[in-house]
Protein backbone atom coordinates (compact mmCIF):
# COMPACT_ATOMS: atom_id res chain seq x y z
CA UNK A 1 -65.65 -12.55 53.92
CA UNK A 2 -66.74 -15.92 52.58
CA UNK A 3 -68.58 -14.29 49.67
CA UNK A 4 -65.41 -12.50 48.55
CA UNK A 5 -63.39 -15.70 48.44
CA UNK A 6 -66.22 -17.47 46.62
CA UNK A 7 -66.37 -14.70 44.03
CA UNK A 8 -62.57 -14.75 43.69
CA UNK A 9 -62.58 -18.53 43.16
CA UNK A 10 -65.39 -18.30 40.63
CA UNK A 11 -63.57 -15.53 38.80
CA UNK A 12 -60.34 -17.54 38.72
CA UNK A 13 -62.20 -20.64 37.53
CA UNK A 14 -63.88 -18.62 34.78
CA UNK A 15 -60.51 -17.22 33.69
CA UNK A 16 -58.98 -20.71 33.55
CA UNK A 17 -61.99 -22.03 31.60
CA UNK A 18 -61.70 -19.15 29.14
CA UNK A 19 -58.01 -19.90 28.63
CA UNK A 20 -58.78 -23.57 28.04
CA UNK A 21 -61.47 -22.74 25.48
CA UNK A 22 -59.15 -20.31 23.71
CA UNK A 23 -56.37 -22.93 23.67
CA UNK A 24 -58.68 -25.53 22.12
CA UNK A 25 -60.03 -23.09 19.53
CA UNK A 26 -56.54 -21.98 18.47
CA UNK A 27 -54.90 -25.41 18.34
CA UNK A 28 -57.67 -27.89 17.59
CA UNK A 29 -59.98 -25.67 15.52
CA UNK A 30 -57.79 -25.42 12.39
CA UNK A 31 -57.12 -29.17 12.45
CA UNK A 32 -60.84 -29.92 12.70
CA UNK A 33 -61.64 -27.43 9.96
CA UNK A 34 -59.01 -28.95 7.68
CA UNK A 35 -60.31 -32.47 8.33
CA UNK A 36 -63.91 -31.40 7.71
CA UNK A 37 -62.93 -29.61 4.51
CA UNK A 38 -61.14 -32.65 3.10
CA UNK A 39 -63.51 -35.32 4.41
CA UNK A 40 -65.11 -35.90 0.99
CA UNK A 41 -61.98 -35.44 -1.10
CA UNK A 42 -60.36 -37.91 -3.46
CA UNK A 43 -59.06 -41.02 -1.64
CA UNK A 44 -55.70 -40.65 -3.38
CA UNK A 45 -55.03 -37.58 -1.26
CA UNK A 46 -54.79 -39.70 1.89
CA UNK A 47 -51.28 -40.68 0.92
CA UNK A 48 -50.14 -37.12 1.57
CA UNK A 49 -51.39 -37.45 5.15
CA UNK A 50 -49.47 -40.69 5.56
CA UNK A 51 -46.28 -39.06 4.30
CA UNK A 52 -46.79 -36.18 6.74
CA UNK A 53 -47.44 -38.61 9.60
CA UNK A 54 -44.30 -40.64 8.86
CA UNK A 55 -42.23 -37.46 8.55
CA UNK A 56 -43.47 -36.24 11.93
CA UNK A 57 -42.75 -39.64 13.49
CA UNK A 58 -39.18 -39.57 12.21
CA UNK A 59 -38.64 -36.00 13.41
CA UNK A 60 -39.87 -36.87 16.92
């Protein structure tokens, strides 16, 4: 009886961990990829990020 509950808990924990990993990959992955892609770009392009940041601050 104890083994079944242990397996059930482990299975539920694995499912939650998988959901968390998927959530991070879907939401954080593209942002990280974009940042890595533009890490060595022209410094003048940073103004576009500032404009986006200010726009998001005003919208919120």
